[in-house]
Amino acid sequence: MISRVLGSVQQALRGKHQIHTASTTGQAAVPSWAVGVAKSAATCGLITSVGDVLAQAVTRGQGQASDFAATDLSRAARMGGYGLLFYGPFQYKWYPFLDNLWPTHSLRHTLCKIASNQLILGPIILITSFSWNFALQHRLDQLPEKLQRDGLPTMINGWTFWIPAAAVNFTIVPLHLRLAFMSTCGVCWTGYLSSQANDAADAETDALTNAA
C-alpha cells in the first residue's frame, strides 16, 4: 500500500514537473517563423554584401582587383542592409506562397511560378533596390529618371539569367534551399551587372535588380 502511494506521488510530481518545464520552455522559445526569417535575412545580407564586394573588384579591373583598400565598404553595407532588412525576409515568405498556389512540379505549375517570379517579384526588387540605394545616398530626386532610363532594359537583361535560374530553382532545388540558391545566383548576377556597368554611380543600385 505504501509503495503504491509513493508511486502515485512520484508520478504526480513528475507530471507537474513536465508541465512546468513545458510551460517554461514555451515561454522562452522563439517562434520557428521568426528563426526562419532571421536566418534568411542574415543569409541574404551576407550574400549581397559579398556579391557587391566582388562586383567592385571586377569593376576595378584585373590590375586592382585584389586591392581591398579600394573597396567602397559603405556601398557594400548599403547592399547588405537591403538584403538583411527587405530582400531576405520578403523572399522567405515568397517561395512558400508560390508553392501553396502551385504545389506540383508539373510544367504548368512550374511556368506559373517562373512567370510570377519575373513579372511580380522582379519589379518589386527592381523598384525597392533602386529606392533603397538612392534614398541612402540622398538622391531620391534622381530615382524617376533612373527607373525610366534603366528599369525596363535591366528587367529584360535579367530575364536571360533569371528565367533559367528560376527553372532550376523550382524543378530541382528543395523548398528550404531555394532562397539560398537564388541568393547565390544573385552574387553572380551582381558581378556580371557591375562589370558591364559604365556608370559607376549607378552600378551599386543595379546590383540586386532582378535577383528574383
C-alpha atoms as a PDB file:
ATOM      1  CA  MET A   1       0.000   0.000   0.000  1.00  0.00           C
ATOM      2  CA  ILE A   2       2.760   2.454   0.980  1.00  0.00           C
ATOM      3  CA  SER A   3       4.684   1.677  -2.174  1.00  0.00           C
ATOM      4  CA  ARG A   4       1.590   2.365  -4.266  1.00  0.00           C
ATOM      5  CA  VAL A   5       1.042   5.703  -2.531  1.00  0.00           C
ATOM      6  CA  LEU A   6       4.684   6.695  -3.025  1.00  0.00           C
ATOM      7  CA  GLY A   7       4.482   5.640  -6.635  1.00  0.00           C
ATOM      8  CA  SER A   8       1.386   7.778  -7.166  1.00  0.00           C
ATOM      9  CA  VAL A   9       3.050  10.778  -5.508  1.00  0.00           C
ATOM     10  CA  GLN A  10       6.176  10.382  -7.637  1.00  0.00           C
ATOM     11  CA  GLN A  11       4.075  10.114 -10.773  1.00  0.00           C
ATOM     12  CA  ALA A  12       2.103  13.226  -9.855  1.00  0.00           C
ATOM     13  CA  LEU A  13       5.271  15.177  -9.104  1.00  0.00           C
ATOM     14  CA  ARG A  14       6.818  14.026 -12.359  1.00  0.00           C
ATOM     15  CA  GLY A  15       3.752  15.144 -14.290  1.00  0.00           C
ATOM     16  CA  LYS A  16       3.761  18.528 -12.555  1.00  0.00           C
ATOM     17  CA  HIS A  17       7.452  18.956 -13.348  1.00  0.00           C
ATOM     18  CA  GLN A  18       6.856  18.108 -17.012  1.00  0.00           C
ATOM     19  CA  ILE A  19       4.017  20.625 -17.231  1.00  0.00           C
ATOM     20  CA  HIS A  20       6.175  23.315 -15.603  1.00  0.00           C
ATOM     21  CA  THR A  21       9.085  22.518 -17.909  1.00  0.00           C
ATOM     22  CA  ALA A  22       6.887  22.635 -20.995  1.00  0.00           C
ATOM     23  CA  SER A  23       5.380  25.917 -19.846  1.00  0.00           C
ATOM     24  CA  THR A  24       8.794  27.433 -19.161  1.00  0.00           C
ATOM     25  CA  THR A  25      10.136  26.192 -22.467  1.00  0.00           C
ATOM     26  CA  GLY A  26       7.132  27.579 -24.293  1.00  0.00           C
ATOM     27  CA  GLN A  27       7.665  30.992 -22.729  1.00  0.00           C
ATOM     28  CA  ALA A  28      11.352  31.063 -23.614  1.00  0.00           C
ATOM     29  CA  ALA A  29      11.118  29.529 -27.081  1.00  0.00           C
ATOM     30  CA  VAL A  30      11.418  31.727 -30.148  1.00  0.00           C
ATOM     31  CA  PRO A  31       8.725  31.107 -32.796  1.00  0.00           C
ATOM     32  CA  SER A  32      10.007  28.986 -35.666  1.00  0.00           C
ATOM     33  CA  TRP A  33       8.885  31.544 -38.246  1.00  0.00           C
ATOM     34  CA  ALA A  34      10.970  34.229 -36.525  1.00  0.00           C
ATOM     35  CA  VAL A  35      14.027  31.972 -36.625  1.00  0.00           C
ATOM     36  CA  GLY A  36      13.403  31.301 -40.313  1.00  0.00           C
ATOM     37  CA  VAL A  37      13.064  34.989 -41.137  1.00  0.00           C
ATOM     38  CA  ALA A  38      16.222  35.814 -39.184  1.00  0.00           C
ATOM     39  CA  LYS A  39      18.232  33.115 -40.968  1.00  0.00           C
ATOM     40  CA  SER A  40      17.000  34.212 -44.381  1.00  0.00           C
ATOM     41  CA  ALA A  41      17.707  37.853 -43.585  1.00  0.00           C
ATOM     42  CA  ALA A  42      21.225  37.102 -42.364  1.00  0.00           C
ATOM     43  CA  THR A  43      21.941  34.871 -45.364  1.00  0.00           C
ATOM     44  CA  CYS A  44      20.778  37.471 -47.873  1.00  0.00           C
ATOM     45  CA  GLY A  45      22.545  40.267 -46.044  1.00  0.00           C
ATOM     46  CA  LEU A  46      25.840  38.385 -46.147  1.00  0.00           C
ATOM     47  CA  ILE A  47      25.489  37.214 -49.728  1.00  0.00           C
ATOM     48  CA  THR A  48      24.530  40.637 -51.090  1.00  0.00           C
ATOM     49  CA  SER A  49      27.435  42.261 -49.253  1.00  0.00           C
ATOM     50  CA  VAL A  50      29.909  39.705 -50.587  1.00  0.00           C
ATOM     51  CA  GLY A  51      28.406  39.984 -54.057  1.00  0.00           C
ATOM     52  CA  ASP A  52      28.850  43.736 -54.076  1.00  0.00           C
ATOM     53  CA  VAL A  53      32.465  43.491 -52.884  1.00  0.00           C
ATOM     54  CA  LEU A  54      33.195  41.018 -55.700  1.00  0.00           C
ATOM     55  CA  ALA A  55      31.409  43.263 -58.173  1.00  0.00           C
ATOM     56  CA  GLN A  56      33.562  46.202 -57.142  1.00  0.00           C
ATOM     57  CA  ALA A  57      36.693  44.090 -57.601  1.00  0.00           C
ATOM     58  CA  VAL A  58      35.611  43.152 -61.125  1.00  0.00           C
ATOM     59  CA  THR A  59      34.743  46.758 -61.941  1.00  0.00           C
ATOM     60  CA  ARG A  60      38.178  47.967 -60.804  1.00  0.00           C
ATOM     61  CA  GLY A  61      39.853  45.714 -63.357  1.00  0.00           C
ATOM     62  CA  GLN A  62      42.386  42.920 -63.129  1.00  0.00           C
ATOM     63  CA  GLY A  63      45.228  45.138 -62.001  1.00  0.00           C
ATOM     64  CA  GLN A  64      43.429  46.408 -58.906  1.00  0.00           C
ATOM     65  CA  ALA A  65      41.006  43.540 -58.288  1.00  0.00           C
ATOM     66  CA  SER A  66      42.895  42.382 -55.198  1.00  0.00           C
ATOM     67  CA  ASP A  67      43.219  45.878 -53.713  1.00  0.00           C
ATOM     68  CA  PHE A  68      40.708  45.534 -50.881  1.00  0.00           C
ATOM     69  CA  ALA A  69      41.601  49.012 -49.594  1.00  0.00           C
ATOM     70  CA  ALA A  70      39.902  50.449 -52.671  1.00  0.00           C
ATOM     71  CA  THR A  71      36.608  48.756 -51.802  1.00  0.00           C
ATOM     72  CA  ASP A  72      33.730  51.096 -51.003  1.00  0.00           C
ATOM     73  CA  LEU A  73      32.557  49.486 -47.766  1.00  0.00           C
ATOM     74  CA  SER A  74      29.669  51.905 -47.337  1.00  0.00           C
ATOM     75  CA  ARG A  75      28.293  50.746 -50.683  1.00  0.00           C
ATOM     76  CA  ALA A  76      28.655  47.102 -49.661  1.00  0.00           C
ATOM     77  CA  ALA A  77      26.933  47.909 -46.373  1.00  0.00           C
ATOM     78  CA  ARG A  78      24.028  49.517 -48.210  1.00  0.00           C
ATOM     79  CA  MET A  79      23.551  46.456 -50.359  1.00  0.00           C
ATOM     80  CA  GLY A  80      23.906  44.195 -47.335  1.00  0.00           C
ATOM     81  CA  GLY A  81      21.345  46.248 -45.458  1.00  0.00           C
ATOM     82  CA  TYR A  82      18.867  45.819 -48.286  1.00  0.00           C
ATOM     83  CA  GLY A  83      19.336  42.057 -48.259  1.00  0.00           C
ATOM     84  CA  LEU A  84      19.111  41.923 -44.473  1.00  0.00           C
ATOM     85  CA  LEU A  85      16.089  44.135 -43.927  1.00  0.00           C
ATOM     86  CA  PHE A  86      13.957  43.546 -47.018  1.00  0.00           C
ATOM     87  CA  TYR A  87      15.144  41.036 -49.605  1.00  0.00           C
ATOM     88  CA  GLY A  88      15.753  38.139 -47.215  1.00  0.00           C
ATOM     89  CA  PRO A  89      12.572  38.428 -45.121  1.00  0.00           C
ATOM     90  CA  PHE A  90      10.403  39.048 -48.181  1.00  0.00           C
ATOM     91  CA  GLN A  91      11.649  36.032 -50.119  1.00  0.00           C
ATOM     92  CA  TYR A  92      11.378  33.815 -47.043  1.00  0.00           C
ATOM     93  CA  LYS A  93       7.603  34.146 -47.403  1.00  0.00           C
ATOM     94  CA  TRP A  94       7.542  34.413 -51.183  1.00  0.00           C
ATOM     95  CA  TYR A  95       8.618  30.889 -52.137  1.00  0.00           C
ATOM     96  CA  PRO A  96       6.243  29.066 -49.752  1.00  0.00           C
ATOM     97  CA  PHE A  97       3.479  31.341 -51.060  1.00  0.00           C
ATOM     98  CA  LEU A  98       4.182  30.223 -54.631  1.00  0.00           C
ATOM     99  CA  ASP A  99       4.361  26.589 -53.563  1.00  0.00           C
ATOM    100  CA  ASN A 100       0.950  26.868 -51.910  1.00  0.00           C
ATOM    101  CA  LEU A 101      -0.548  28.305 -55.088  1.00  0.00           C
ATOM    102  CA  TRP A 102       1.093  25.786 -57.411  1.00  0.00           C
ATOM    103  CA  PRO A 103       2.228  22.804 -55.307  1.00  0.00           C
ATOM    104  CA  THR A 104       3.200  20.307 -58.024  1.00  0.00           C
ATOM    105  CA  HIS A 105       6.225  20.045 -60.319  1.00  0.00           C
ATOM    106  CA  SER A 106       4.047  19.914 -63.420  1.00  0.00           C
ATOM    107  CA  LEU A 107       5.022  22.035 -66.400  1.00  0.00           C
ATOM    108  CA  ARG A 108       2.054  24.353 -65.918  1.00  0.00           C
ATOM    109  CA  HIS A 109       2.747  24.966 -62.235  1.00  0.00           C
ATOM    110  CA  THR A 110       6.462  25.468 -62.869  1.00  0.00           C
ATOM    111  CA  LEU A 111       5.783  28.008 -65.613  1.00  0.00           C
ATOM    112  CA  CYS A 112       3.314  29.834 -63.369  1.00  0.00           C
ATOM    113  CA  LYS A 113       5.940  30.139 -60.622  1.00  0.00           C
ATOM    114  CA  ILE A 114       8.626  31.305 -63.037  1.00  0.00           C
ATOM    115  CA  ALA A 115       6.281  33.891 -64.549  1.00  0.00           C
ATOM    116  CA  SER A 116       5.285  35.138 -61.089  1.00  0.00           C
ATOM    117  CA  ASN A 117       8.927  35.445 -60.141  1.00  0.00           C
ATOM    118  CA  GLN A 118       9.778  37.554 -63.152  1.00  0.00           C
ATOM    119  CA  LEU A 119       6.599  39.608 -63.560  1.00  0.00           C
ATOM    120  CA  ILE A 120       5.772  40.247 -59.892  1.00  0.00           C
ATOM    121  CA  LEU A 121       8.850  39.728 -57.730  1.00  0.00           C
ATOM    122  CA  GLY A 122      11.244  41.158 -60.320  1.00  0.00           C
ATOM    123  CA  PRO A 123       9.646  44.624 -60.487  1.00  0.00           C
ATOM    124  CA  ILE A 124       9.305  44.703 -56.693  1.00  0.00           C
ATOM    125  CA  ILE A 125      13.029  44.044 -56.262  1.00  0.00           C
ATOM    126  CA  LEU A 126      13.878  46.493 -59.040  1.00  0.00           C
ATOM    127  CA  ILE A 127      11.940  49.398 -57.544  1.00  0.00           C
ATOM    128  CA  THR A 128      12.811  48.746 -53.901  1.00  0.00           C
ATOM    129  CA  SER A 129      16.535  48.219 -54.519  1.00  0.00           C
ATOM    130  CA  PHE A 130      16.773  51.402 -56.585  1.00  0.00           C
ATOM    131  CA  SER A 131      14.778  53.319 -53.986  1.00  0.00           C
ATOM    132  CA  TRP A 132      16.821  51.947 -51.079  1.00  0.00           C
ATOM    133  CA  ASN A 133      20.167  52.943 -52.552  1.00  0.00           C
ATOM    134  CA  PHE A 134      19.064  56.325 -53.841  1.00  0.00           C
ATOM    135  CA  ALA A 135      17.440  57.178 -50.514  1.00  0.00           C
ATOM    136  CA  LEU A 136      20.588  56.330 -48.547  1.00  0.00           C
ATOM    137  CA  GLN A 137      22.639  58.439 -50.954  1.00  0.00           C
ATOM    138  CA  HIS A 138      20.161  61.341 -50.746  1.00  0.00           C
ATOM    139  CA  ARG A 139      19.475  61.020 -54.482  1.00  0.00           C
ATOM    140  CA  LEU A 140      15.743  60.310 -54.482  1.00  0.00           C
ATOM    141  CA  ASP A 141      15.179  63.208 -56.862  1.00  0.00           C
ATOM    142  CA  GLN A 142      17.105  61.184 -59.476  1.00  0.00           C
ATOM    143  CA  LEU A 143      15.087  57.996 -58.941  1.00  0.00           C
ATOM    144  CA  PRO A 144      12.348  58.624 -61.570  1.00  0.00           C
ATOM    145  CA  GLU A 145      14.963  59.278 -64.246  1.00  0.00           C
ATOM    146  CA  LYS A 146      16.894  56.162 -63.227  1.00  0.00           C
ATOM    147  CA  LEU A 147      13.801  53.957 -63.386  1.00  0.00           C
ATOM    148  CA  GLN A 148      12.731  55.412 -66.716  1.00  0.00           C
ATOM    149  CA  ARG A 149      16.180  55.014 -68.261  1.00  0.00           C
ATOM    150  CA  ASP A 150      17.325  51.679 -66.851  1.00  0.00           C
ATOM    151  CA  GLY A 151      14.269  49.963 -65.405  1.00  0.00           C
ATOM    152  CA  LEU A 152      12.958  48.072 -68.440  1.00  0.00           C
ATOM    153  CA  PRO A 153      16.372  47.305 -70.020  1.00  0.00           C
ATOM    154  CA  THR A 154      17.602  45.920 -66.707  1.00  0.00           C
ATOM    155  CA  MET A 155      14.497  43.747 -66.369  1.00  0.00           C
ATOM    156  CA  ILE A 156      14.911  42.363 -69.892  1.00  0.00           C
ATOM    157  CA  ASN A 157      18.617  41.648 -69.398  1.00  0.00           C
ATOM    158  CA  GLY A 158      17.843  39.973 -66.114  1.00  0.00           C
ATOM    159  CA  TRP A 159      15.336  37.590 -67.675  1.00  0.00           C
ATOM    160  CA  THR A 160      18.086  35.942 -69.737  1.00  0.00           C
ATOM    161  CA  PHE A 161      19.811  34.975 -66.493  1.00  0.00           C
ATOM    162  CA  TRP A 162      16.979  34.575 -64.006  1.00  0.00           C
ATOM    163  CA  ILE A 163      14.477  32.568 -66.050  1.00  0.00           C
ATOM    164  CA  PRO A 164      16.874  29.589 -66.398  1.00  0.00           C
ATOM    165  CA  ALA A 165      17.916  30.014 -62.757  1.00  0.00           C
ATOM    166  CA  ALA A 166      14.281  30.052 -61.646  1.00  0.00           C
ATOM    167  CA  ALA A 167      13.548  26.960 -63.735  1.00  0.00           C
ATOM    168  CA  VAL A 168      16.302  25.077 -61.921  1.00  0.00           C
ATOM    169  CA  ASN A 169      15.166  26.518 -58.604  1.00  0.00           C
ATOM    170  CA  PHE A 170      11.564  25.362 -58.930  1.00  0.00           C
ATOM    171  CA  THR A 171      12.207  21.964 -60.505  1.00  0.00           C
ATOM    172  CA  ILE A 172      15.337  20.681 -58.755  1.00  0.00           C
ATOM    173  CA  VAL A 173      16.153  22.693 -55.617  1.00  0.00           C
ATOM    174  CA  PRO A 174      14.251  21.714 -52.416  1.00  0.00           C
ATOM    175  CA  LEU A 175      11.980  24.391 -50.953  1.00  0.00           C
ATOM    176  CA  HIS A 176      14.153  25.026 -47.879  1.00  0.00           C
ATOM    177  CA  LEU A 177      17.210  25.689 -50.081  1.00  0.00           C
ATOM    178  CA  ARG A 178      15.572  27.893 -52.702  1.00  0.00           C
ATOM    179  CA  LEU A 179      16.293  31.210 -51.038  1.00  0.00           C
ATOM    180  CA  ALA A 180      19.977  30.309 -50.595  1.00  0.00           C
ATOM    181  CA  PHE A 181      20.213  29.099 -54.201  1.00  0.00           C
ATOM    182  CA  MET A 182      18.670  32.251 -55.632  1.00  0.00           C
ATOM    183  CA  SER A 183      20.765  34.448 -53.346  1.00  0.00           C
ATOM    184  CA  THR A 184      23.893  32.660 -54.569  1.00  0.00           C
ATOM    185  CA  CYS A 185      22.768  33.258 -58.140  1.00  0.00           C
ATOM    186  CA  GLY A 186      22.402  36.869 -57.072  1.00  0.00           C
ATOM    187  CA  VAL A 187      26.136  37.023 -56.384  1.00  0.00           C
ATOM    188  CA  CYS A 188      26.807  36.002 -59.984  1.00  0.00           C
ATOM    189  CA  TRP A 189      24.282  38.499 -61.304  1.00  0.00           C
ATOM    190  CA  THR A 190      25.764  41.273 -59.189  1.00  0.00           C
ATOM    191  CA  GLY A 191      29.240  40.596 -60.545  1.00  0.00           C
ATOM    192  CA  TYR A 192      28.043  40.438 -64.136  1.00  0.00           C
ATOM    193  CA  LEU A 193      25.919  43.561 -63.909  1.00  0.00           C
ATOM    194  CA  SER A 194      28.590  45.626 -62.206  1.00  0.00           C
ATOM    195  CA  SER A 195      31.285  44.541 -64.653  1.00  0.00           C
ATOM    196  CA  GLN A 196      29.056  45.671 -67.532  1.00  0.00           C
ATOM    197  CA  ALA A 197      28.092  48.961 -65.895  1.00  0.00           C
ATOM    198  CA  ASN A 198      29.553  52.127 -67.374  1.00  0.00           C
ATOM    199  CA  ASP A 199      28.128  54.483 -64.789  1.00  0.00           C
ATOM    200  CA  ALA A 200      29.965  53.761 -61.523  1.00  0.00           C
ATOM    201  CA  ALA A 201      27.490  55.826 -59.539  1.00  0.00           C
ATOM    202  CA  ASP A 202      24.598  53.659 -60.724  1.00  0.00           C
ATOM    203  CA  ALA A 203      26.321  50.269 -60.633  1.00  0.00           C
ATOM    204  CA  GLU A 204      25.523  49.697 -56.967  1.00  0.00           C
ATOM    205  CA  THR A 205      21.831  50.410 -57.425  1.00  0.00           C
ATOM    206  CA  ASP A 206      21.672  47.743 -60.119  1.00  0.00           C
ATOM    207  CA  ALA A 207      23.391  45.059 -58.063  1.00  0.00           C
ATOM    208  CA  LEU A 208      20.219  43.327 -56.854  1.00  0.00           C
ATOM    209  CA  THR A 209      17.981  44.168 -59.772  1.00  0.00           C
ATOM    210  CA  ASN A 210      16.001  41.160 -60.978  1.00  0.00           C
ATOM    211  CA  ALA A 211      17.519  38.987 -58.234  1.00  0.00           C
ATOM    212  CA  ALA A 212      14.273  37.141 -58.046  1.00  0.00           C
END
